[in-house]
Amino acid sequence: MRFRFVEENLGAVPTGRLCQIMNVSPRGLRAFRSRPISQSQRKDMVLLAHIREQHRLSLGSYGGHE
């Protein structure tokens, strides 16, 4: 979770500062970024794509609030 936050905010704040704030090492961040996507992350991405497609096809009503 901390590595993901650092990765998502790399453009806004220098990497070293982000690592310091989030208490992670730059080496750990590099290792995190080089890891392949896990099987569960792949499944989540497929599911999210399906949900987004159904939402689009239903003109925004799928998964929406009444």
PDB file of N, CA and C in Angstrom:
ATOM      1  N   MET A   1       0.829  -1.180   0.000  1.00  0.00           N
ATOM      2  CA  MET A   1       0.000   0.000   0.000  1.00  0.00           C
ATOM      3  C   MET A   1       0.877   1.247   0.000  1.00  0.00           C
ATOM      4  N   ARG A   2       1.915   1.260   0.811  1.00  0.00           N
ATOM      5  CA  ARG A   2       2.806   2.422   0.858  1.00  0.00           C
ATOM      6  C   ARG A   2       3.551   2.589  -0.455  1.00  0.00           C
ATOM      7  N   PHE A   3       4.022   1.467  -1.014  1.00  0.00           N
ATOM      8  CA  PHE A   3       4.731   1.549  -2.291  1.00  0.00           C
ATOM      9  C   PHE A   3       3.808   2.073  -3.384  1.00  0.00           C
ATOM     10  N   ARG A   4       2.580   1.622  -3.384  1.00  0.00           N
ATOM     11  CA  ARG A   4       1.615   2.073  -4.389  1.00  0.00           C
ATOM     12  C   ARG A   4       1.391   3.577  -4.268  1.00  0.00           C
ATOM     13  N   PHE A   5       1.258   4.083  -3.047  1.00  0.00           N
ATOM     14  CA  PHE A   5       1.079   5.524  -2.837  1.00  0.00           C
ATOM     15  C   PHE A   5       2.280   6.289  -3.379  1.00  0.00           C
ATOM     16  N   VAL A   6       3.471   5.816  -3.074  1.00  0.00           N
ATOM     17  CA  VAL A   6       4.689   6.472  -3.561  1.00  0.00           C
ATOM     18  C   VAL A   6       4.689   6.472  -5.084  1.00  0.00           C
ATOM     19  N   GLU A   7       4.382   5.341  -5.676  1.00  0.00           N
ATOM     20  CA  GLU A   7       4.388   5.223  -7.130  1.00  0.00           C
ATOM     21  C   GLU A   7       3.373   6.169  -7.773  1.00  0.00           C
ATOM     22  N   GLU A   8       2.205   6.299  -7.189  1.00  0.00           N
ATOM     23  CA  GLU A   8       1.152   7.151  -7.743  1.00  0.00           C
ATOM     24  C   GLU A   8       1.458   8.638  -7.605  1.00  0.00           C
ATOM     25  N   ASN A   9       2.353   9.003  -6.704  1.00  0.00           N
ATOM     26  CA  ASN A   9       2.648  10.414  -6.460  1.00  0.00           C
ATOM     27  C   ASN A   9       4.064  10.813  -6.856  1.00  0.00           C
ATOM     28  N   LEU A  10       4.700  10.023  -7.696  1.00  0.00           N
ATOM     29  CA  LEU A  10       6.086  10.291  -8.070  1.00  0.00           C
ATOM     30  C   LEU A  10       6.272  11.633  -8.766  1.00  0.00           C
ATOM     31  N   GLY A  11       5.336  12.076  -9.553  1.00  0.00           N
ATOM     32  CA  GLY A  11       5.493  13.338 -10.269  1.00  0.00           C
ATOM     33  C   GLY A  11       5.316  14.562  -9.399  1.00  0.00           C
ATOM     34  N   ALA A  12       4.578  14.433  -8.321  1.00  0.00           N
ATOM     35  CA  ALA A  12       4.245  15.582  -7.479  1.00  0.00           C
ATOM     36  C   ALA A  12       5.329  15.907  -6.460  1.00  0.00           C
ATOM     37  N   VAL A  13       6.004  14.899  -5.970  1.00  0.00           N
ATOM     38  CA  VAL A  13       7.003  15.063  -4.909  1.00  0.00           C
ATOM     39  C   VAL A  13       8.233  14.239  -5.296  1.00  0.00           C
ATOM     40  N   PRO A  14       9.438  14.719  -4.999  1.00  0.00           N
ATOM     41  CA  PRO A  14      10.635  13.932  -5.312  1.00  0.00           C
ATOM     42  C   PRO A  14      10.597  12.538  -4.669  1.00  0.00           C
ATOM     43  N   THR A  15      11.125  11.570  -5.387  1.00  0.00           N
ATOM     44  CA  THR A  15      11.089  10.174  -4.944  1.00  0.00           C
ATOM     45  C   THR A  15      11.697   9.978  -3.562  1.00  0.00           C
ATOM     46  N   GLY A  16      12.862  10.561  -3.337  1.00  0.00           N
ATOM     47  CA  GLY A  16      13.522  10.405  -2.036  1.00  0.00           C
ATOM     48  C   GLY A  16      12.675  10.918  -0.894  1.00  0.00           C
ATOM     49  N   ARG A  17      12.031  12.048  -1.109  1.00  0.00           N
ATOM     50  CA  ARG A  17      11.172  12.637  -0.070  1.00  0.00           C
ATOM     51  C   ARG A  17       9.952  11.753   0.189  1.00  0.00           C
ATOM     52  N   LEU A  18       9.333  11.267  -0.888  1.00  0.00           N
ATOM     53  CA  LEU A  18       8.178  10.375  -0.726  1.00  0.00           C
ATOM     54  C   LEU A  18       8.559   9.113   0.042  1.00  0.00           C
ATOM     55  N   CYS A  19       9.700   8.546  -0.305  1.00  0.00           N
ATOM     56  CA  CYS A  19      10.153   7.335   0.392  1.00  0.00           C
ATOM     57  C   CYS A  19      10.376   7.620   1.873  1.00  0.00           C
ATOM     58  N   GLN A  20      10.952   8.768   2.160  1.00  0.00           N
ATOM     59  CA  GLN A  20      11.205   9.148   3.552  1.00  0.00           C
ATOM     60  C   GLN A  20       9.889   9.330   4.309  1.00  0.00           C
ATOM     61  N   ILE A  21       8.950  10.042   3.707  1.00  0.00           N
ATOM     62  CA  ILE A  21       7.652  10.295   4.350  1.00  0.00           C
ATOM     63  C   ILE A  21       6.903   8.984   4.610  1.00  0.00           C
ATOM     64  N   MET A  22       6.925   8.083   3.623  1.00  0.00           N
ATOM     65  CA  MET A  22       6.175   6.829   3.731  1.00  0.00           C
ATOM     66  C   MET A  22       6.970   5.715   4.413  1.00  0.00           C
ATOM     67  N   ASN A  23       8.199   6.035   4.838  1.00  0.00           N
ATOM     68  CA  ASN A  23       9.048   5.085   5.553  1.00  0.00           C
ATOM     69  C   ASN A  23       9.319   3.814   4.740  1.00  0.00           C
ATOM     70  N   VAL A  24       9.676   4.016   3.460  1.00  0.00           N
ATOM     71  CA  VAL A  24      10.090   2.910   2.605  1.00  0.00           C
ATOM     72  C   VAL A  24      11.456   3.256   2.014  1.00  0.00           C
ATOM     73  N   SER A  25      12.198   2.251   1.623  1.00  0.00           N
ATOM     74  CA  SER A  25      13.517   2.497   1.037  1.00  0.00           C
ATOM     75  C   SER A  25      13.392   2.636  -0.479  1.00  0.00           C
ATOM     76  N   PRO A  26      14.243   3.448  -1.087  1.00  0.00           N
ATOM     77  CA  PRO A  26      14.247   3.533  -2.550  1.00  0.00           C
ATOM     78  C   PRO A  26      14.507   2.168  -3.198  1.00  0.00           C
ATOM     79  N   ARG A  27      15.344   1.368  -2.556  1.00  0.00           N
ATOM     80  CA  ARG A  27      15.622   0.026  -3.076  1.00  0.00           C
ATOM     81  C   ARG A  27      14.362  -0.843  -3.036  1.00  0.00           C
ATOM     82  N   GLY A  28      13.599  -0.738  -1.951  1.00  0.00           N
ATOM     83  CA  GLY A  28      12.344  -1.475  -1.849  1.00  0.00           C
ATOM     84  C   GLY A  28      11.346  -1.024  -2.900  1.00  0.00           C
ATOM     85  N   LEU A  29      11.324   0.283  -3.180  1.00  0.00           N
ATOM     86  CA  LEU A  29      10.436   0.814  -4.212  1.00  0.00           C
ATOM     87  C   LEU A  29      10.811   0.244  -5.579  1.00  0.00           C
ATOM     88  N   ARG A  30      12.104   0.202  -5.880  1.00  0.00           N
ATOM     89  CA  ARG A  30      12.552  -0.371  -7.157  1.00  0.00           C
ATOM     90  C   ARG A  30      12.155  -1.844  -7.255  1.00  0.00           C
ATOM     91  N   ALA A  31      12.293  -2.580  -6.165  1.00  0.00           N
ATOM     92  CA  ALA A  31      11.904  -4.000  -6.161  1.00  0.00           C
ATOM     93  C   ALA A  31      10.403  -4.144  -6.388  1.00  0.00           C
ATOM     94  N   PHE A  32       9.616  -3.294  -5.744  1.00  0.00           N
ATOM     95  CA  PHE A  32       8.162  -3.316  -5.904  1.00  0.00           C
ATOM     96  C   PHE A  32       7.778  -3.064  -7.362  1.00  0.00           C
ATOM     97  N   ARG A  33       8.424  -2.082  -7.971  1.00  0.00           N
ATOM     98  CA  ARG A  33       8.098  -1.708  -9.342  1.00  0.00           C
ATOM     99  C   ARG A  33       8.511  -2.770 -10.349  1.00  0.00           C
ATOM    100  N   SER A  34       9.487  -3.595 -10.007  1.00  0.00           N
ATOM    101  CA  SER A  34       9.958  -4.612 -10.950  1.00  0.00           C
ATOM    102  C   SER A  34       9.221  -5.943 -10.808  1.00  0.00           C
ATOM    103  N   ARG A  35       8.399  -6.087  -9.771  1.00  0.00           N
ATOM    104  CA  ARG A  35       7.653  -7.340  -9.577  1.00  0.00           C
ATOM    105  C   ARG A  35       6.564  -7.482 -10.630  1.00  0.00           C
ATOM    106  N   PRO A  36       6.332  -8.699 -11.100  1.00  0.00           N
ATOM    107  CA  PRO A  36       5.232  -8.912 -12.043  1.00  0.00           C
ATOM    108  C   PRO A  36       3.887  -8.792 -11.324  1.00  0.00           C
ATOM    109  N   ILE A  37       2.855  -8.528 -12.100  1.00  0.00           N
ATOM    110  CA  ILE A  37       1.501  -8.421 -11.545  1.00  0.00           C
ATOM    111  C   ILE A  37       1.065  -9.801 -11.055  1.00  0.00           C
ATOM    112  N   SER A  38       0.476  -9.853  -9.873  1.00  0.00           N
ATOM    113  CA  SER A  38       0.048 -11.131  -9.302  1.00  0.00           C
ATOM    114  C   SER A  38      -1.220 -11.634  -9.996  1.00  0.00           C
ATOM    115  N   GLN A  39      -1.494 -12.905  -9.814  1.00  0.00           N
ATOM    116  CA  GLN A  39      -2.684 -13.520 -10.405  1.00  0.00           C
ATOM    117  C   GLN A  39      -3.955 -12.849  -9.895  1.00  0.00           C
ATOM    118  N   SER A  40      -4.016 -12.536  -8.613  1.00  0.00           N
ATOM    119  CA  SER A  40      -5.222 -11.895  -8.073  1.00  0.00           C
ATOM    120  C   SER A  40      -5.391 -10.483  -8.632  1.00  0.00           C
ATOM    121  N   GLN A  41      -4.282  -9.771  -8.857  1.00  0.00           N
ATOM    122  CA  GLN A  41      -4.380  -8.443  -9.464  1.00  0.00           C
ATOM    123  C   GLN A  41      -4.889  -8.545 -10.900  1.00  0.00           C
ATOM    124  N   ARG A  42      -4.446  -9.566 -11.621  1.00  0.00           N
ATOM    125  CA  ARG A  42      -4.932  -9.770 -12.993  1.00  0.00           C
ATOM    126  C   ARG A  42      -6.434 -10.029 -12.996  1.00  0.00           C
ATOM    127  N   LYS A  43      -6.887 -10.886 -12.077  1.00  0.00           N
ATOM    128  CA  LYS A  43      -8.315 -11.187 -11.990  1.00  0.00           C
ATOM    129  C   LYS A  43      -9.109  -9.932 -11.653  1.00  0.00           C
ATOM    130  N   ASP A  44      -8.587  -9.118 -10.734  1.00  0.00           N
ATOM    131  CA  ASP A  44      -9.256  -7.868 -10.374  1.00  0.00           C
ATOM    132  C   ASP A  44      -9.355  -6.927 -11.569  1.00  0.00           C
ATOM    133  N   MET A  45      -8.298  -6.870 -12.380  1.00  0.00           N
ATOM    134  CA  MET A  45      -8.301  -5.994 -13.548  1.00  0.00           C
ATOM    135  C   MET A  45      -9.337  -6.450 -14.574  1.00  0.00           C
ATOM    136  N   VAL A  46      -9.464  -7.757 -14.769  1.00  0.00           N
ATOM    137  CA  VAL A  46     -10.464  -8.296 -15.690  1.00  0.00           C
ATOM    138  C   VAL A  46     -11.862  -7.983 -15.174  1.00  0.00           C
ATOM    139  N   LEU A  47     -12.088  -8.193 -13.893  1.00  0.00           N
ATOM    140  CA  LEU A  47     -13.387  -7.910 -13.299  1.00  0.00           C
ATOM    141  C   LEU A  47     -13.730  -6.425 -13.410  1.00  0.00           C
ATOM    142  N   LEU A  48     -12.776  -5.557 -13.119  1.00  0.00           N
ATOM    143  CA  LEU A  48     -13.006  -4.120 -13.217  1.00  0.00           C
ATOM    144  C   LEU A  48     -13.342  -3.717 -14.649  1.00  0.00           C
ATOM    145  N   ALA A  49     -12.653  -4.286 -15.624  1.00  0.00           N
ATOM    146  CA  ALA A  49     -12.942  -3.988 -17.029  1.00  0.00           C
ATOM    147  C   ALA A  49     -14.364  -4.415 -17.378  1.00  0.00           C
ATOM    148  N   HIS A  50     -14.787  -5.575 -16.878  1.00  0.00           N
ATOM    149  CA  HIS A  50     -16.148  -6.055 -17.128  1.00  0.00           C
ATOM    150  C   HIS A  50     -17.176  -5.112 -16.500  1.00  0.00           C
ATOM    151  N   ILE A  51     -16.952  -4.711 -15.278  1.00  0.00           N
ATOM    152  CA  ILE A  51     -17.882  -3.806 -14.591  1.00  0.00           C
ATOM    153  C   ILE A  51     -17.974  -2.477 -15.331  1.00  0.00           C
ATOM    154  N   ARG A  52     -16.832  -1.941 -15.738  1.00  0.00           N
ATOM    155  CA  ARG A  52     -16.841  -0.663 -16.470  1.00  0.00           C
ATOM    156  C   ARG A  52     -17.587  -0.784 -17.794  1.00  0.00           C
ATOM    157  N   GLU A  53     -17.398  -1.901 -18.489  1.00  0.00           N
ATOM    158  CA  GLU A  53     -18.092  -2.111 -19.757  1.00  0.00           C
ATOM    159  C   GLU A  53     -19.599  -2.202 -19.535  1.00  0.00           C
ATOM    160  N   GLN A  54     -20.032  -2.941 -18.516  1.00  0.00           N
ATOM    161  CA  GLN A  54     -21.458  -3.047 -18.223  1.00  0.00           C
ATOM    162  C   GLN A  54     -22.037  -1.693 -17.813  1.00  0.00           C
ATOM    163  N   HIS A  55     -21.273  -0.931 -17.067  1.00  0.00           N
ATOM    164  CA  HIS A  55     -21.706   0.411 -16.656  1.00  0.00           C
ATOM    165  C   HIS A  55     -21.894   1.288 -17.892  1.00  0.00           C
ATOM    166  N   ARG A  56     -20.947   1.211 -18.814  1.00  0.00           N
ATOM    167  CA  ARG A  56     -21.030   2.002 -20.040  1.00  0.00           C
ATOM    168  C   ARG A  56     -22.227   1.566 -20.886  1.00  0.00           C
ATOM    169  N   LEU A  57     -22.420   0.255 -21.042  1.00  0.00           N
ATOM    170  CA  LEU A  57     -23.525  -0.255 -21.851  1.00  0.00           C
ATOM    171  C   LEU A  57     -24.890   0.071 -21.256  1.00  0.00           C
ATOM    172  N   SER A  58     -24.958   0.208 -19.943  1.00  0.00           N
ATOM    173  CA  SER A  58     -26.236   0.515 -19.293  1.00  0.00           C
ATOM    174  C   SER A  58     -26.442   2.019 -19.141  1.00  0.00           C
ATOM    175  N   LEU A  59     -25.614   2.797 -19.851  1.00  0.00           N
ATOM    176  CA  LEU A  59     -25.686   4.265 -19.812  1.00  0.00           C
ATOM    177  C   LEU A  59     -25.523   4.806 -18.399  1.00  0.00           C
ATOM    178  N   GLY A  60     -24.678   4.157 -17.640  1.00  0.00           N
ATOM    179  CA  GLY A  60     -24.344   4.642 -16.306  1.00  0.00           C
ATOM    180  C   GLY A  60     -25.249   4.164 -15.192  1.00  0.00           C
ATOM    181  N   SER A  61     -26.214   3.292 -15.504  1.00  0.00           N
ATOM    182  CA  SER A  61     -27.120   2.856 -14.438  1.00  0.00           C
ATOM    183  C   SER A  61     -26.602   1.626 -13.690  1.00  0.00           C
ATOM    184  N   TYR A  62     -25.758   0.804 -14.324  1.00  0.00           N
ATOM    185  CA  TYR A  62     -25.225  -0.393 -13.673  1.00  0.00           C
ATOM    186  C   TYR A  62     -24.296   0.022 -12.544  1.00  0.00           C
ATOM    187  N   GLY A  63     -24.643  -0.387 -11.334  1.00  0.00           N
ATOM    188  CA  GLY A  63     -23.820  -0.062 -10.178  1.00  0.00           C
ATOM    189  C   GLY A  63     -24.064   1.327  -9.627  1.00  0.00           C
ATOM    190  N   GLY A  64     -25.010   2.039 -10.201  1.00  0.00           N
ATOM    191  CA  GLY A  64     -25.286   3.406  -9.745  1.00  0.00           C
ATOM    192  C   GLY A  64     -26.248   3.429  -8.577  1.00  0.00           C
ATOM    193  N   HIS A  65     -26.360   4.583  -7.968  1.00  0.00           N
ATOM    194  CA  HIS A  65     -27.287   4.768  -6.854  1.00  0.00           C
ATOM    195  C   HIS A  65     -28.640   5.210  -7.388  1.00  0.00           C
ATOM    196  N   GLU A  66     -29.679   4.840  -6.683  1.00  0.00           N
ATOM    197  CA  GLU A  66     -31.031   5.233  -7.099  1.00  0.00           C
ATOM    198  C   GLU A  66     -31.384   6.594  -6.583  1.00  0.00           C
TER     199      GLU A  66
END
